[in-house]
Each structure stands twice: as C-alpha cells, then as structure tokens.
Amino acid sequence: MKIIAYTYEADYHCIDCTNKRFGATPTYRIHRDNEGNLIDVVLSIDEWQELDESYLAENPTQYLACGDCHEIIDEYTIESEAIA
C-alpha cells in the first residue's frame, strides 16, 4: 500500500505538486486547503474510479490525473467482458 496522490480543493493532486504546495512532510492530514478541508491521501488500494456500468461501457479506460500539472497518476481499464 503506497500513497499515489492527495486530495484537496475538490480534486486529486500528484505527490510532487502537493509537496510543492505544502512542503514534503508525511503529516498532510494536519494541513488544510483554501476551502478549509484537511488534505487526505489516496492509497494504491483506494477506489478512485467511476464504477457505474453505464459509465464504464462508454469509458472502459479511466485516468486519474493531477489537478495542477495534469500528469496521469493512475489508470484503470475494465475488461469488456466484465461490462457485457
């Protein structure tokens, strides 16, 4: 289980952009964003994908991208048999 991203200001952010914004520290849950929300982690086992079957039928590959630099953080592809 590793940290792949952080959530703040109603978006996902990569580790590099989060470090630039808040500093490199493992205690992100003590920081607050501009909206007053605590910064939280997204772990490699967390479900960030949209798993609704009708959405998956049209979007079998989904990407988790950073809200700042727009780099792809993670990718999820469902097998076509799973949504048939």
Protein backbone atom coordinates (compact mmCIF):
# COMPACT_ATOMS: atom_id res chain seq x y z
CA MET A 1 0.00 0.00 0.00
CA LYS A 2 1.58 3.25 -1.10
CA ILE A 3 0.43 6.84 -1.46
CA ILE A 4 -0.30 7.65 -5.11
CA ALA A 5 -1.97 11.04 -4.74
CA TYR A 6 -3.58 13.53 -2.38
CA THR A 7 -6.99 15.15 -2.35
CA TYR A 8 -7.59 18.82 -1.64
CA GLU A 9 -9.65 21.64 -3.08
CA ALA A 10 -12.12 19.11 -4.55
CA ASP A 11 -9.53 17.48 -6.82
CA TYR A 12 -6.75 14.93 -6.95
CA HIS A 13 -3.11 16.06 -6.93
CA CYS A 14 0.15 14.23 -7.57
CA ILE A 15 2.79 13.87 -4.87
CA ASP A 16 5.17 16.40 -6.50
CA CYS A 17 2.53 19.15 -6.79
CA THR A 18 1.36 18.50 -3.23
CA ASN A 19 4.94 18.70 -1.95
CA LYS A 20 5.47 21.99 -3.80
CA ARG A 21 2.30 23.41 -2.28
CA PHE A 22 2.53 22.16 1.32
CA GLY A 23 6.12 21.00 1.76
CA ALA A 24 7.48 17.48 1.99
CA THR A 25 6.02 16.04 5.17
CA PRO A 26 4.25 12.76 5.93
CA THR A 27 1.65 14.53 8.09
CA TYR A 28 -0.59 16.00 5.39
CA ARG A 29 -3.71 15.44 7.46
CA ILE A 30 -2.73 18.41 9.63
CA HIS A 31 -2.73 20.79 6.64
CA ARG A 32 -5.87 22.48 5.35
CA ASP A 33 -6.58 23.64 1.80
CA ASN A 34 -8.05 27.01 0.78
CA GLU A 35 -11.54 25.61 1.41
CA GLY A 36 -10.71 24.61 4.99
CA ASN A 37 -10.66 20.88 4.27
CA LEU A 38 -7.96 18.56 5.54
CA ILE A 39 -5.51 17.23 2.95
CA ASP A 40 -6.02 13.47 2.59
CA VAL A 41 -4.11 10.65 0.94
CA VAL A 42 -5.15 8.38 -1.92
CA LEU A 43 -3.60 4.96 -1.49
CA SER A 44 -2.84 2.42 -4.20
CA ILE A 45 -5.75 0.29 -2.89
CA ASP A 46 -8.30 3.13 -2.87
CA GLU A 47 -11.07 3.17 -5.47
CA TRP A 48 -10.98 6.46 -7.34
CA GLN A 49 -12.65 5.08 -10.47
CA GLU A 50 -16.24 5.63 -11.58
CA LEU A 51 -17.60 2.07 -11.42
CA ASP A 52 -21.13 2.70 -12.73
CA GLU A 53 -21.78 0.13 -15.50
CA SER A 54 -23.30 2.63 -17.94
CA TYR A 55 -20.28 4.93 -17.48
CA LEU A 56 -17.83 2.05 -17.88
CA ALA A 57 -19.50 0.94 -21.12
CA GLU A 58 -18.59 4.31 -22.66
CA ASN A 59 -15.31 4.80 -20.75
CA PRO A 60 -13.57 1.43 -20.28
CA THR A 61 -10.26 3.19 -19.55
CA GLN A 62 -10.23 5.90 -16.92
CA TYR A 63 -7.35 8.10 -15.82
CA LEU A 64 -6.55 9.71 -12.50
CA ALA A 65 -4.81 12.98 -13.37
CA CYS A 66 -3.31 15.72 -11.24
CA GLY A 67 -5.49 18.81 -10.96
CA ASP A 68 -2.39 21.03 -11.11
CA CYS A 69 0.10 19.63 -13.64
CA HIS A 70 -2.40 17.30 -15.38
CA GLU A 71 0.04 14.37 -15.39
CA ILE A 72 -1.54 10.91 -15.28
CA ILE A 73 -1.23 9.47 -11.77
CA ASP A 74 -3.02 6.15 -12.30
CA GLU A 75 -5.00 4.30 -14.95
CA TYR A 76 -7.90 1.85 -14.70
CA THR A 77 -9.15 -0.35 -17.55
CA ILE A 78 -12.01 -2.78 -17.19
CA GLU A 79 -12.18 -5.89 -19.32
CA SER A 80 -15.01 -5.65 -21.87
CA GLU A 81 -16.48 -8.98 -20.69
CA ALA A 82 -16.99 -7.51 -17.21
CA ILE A 83 -19.44 -4.88 -18.50
CA ALA A 84 -21.25 -7.03 -21.06
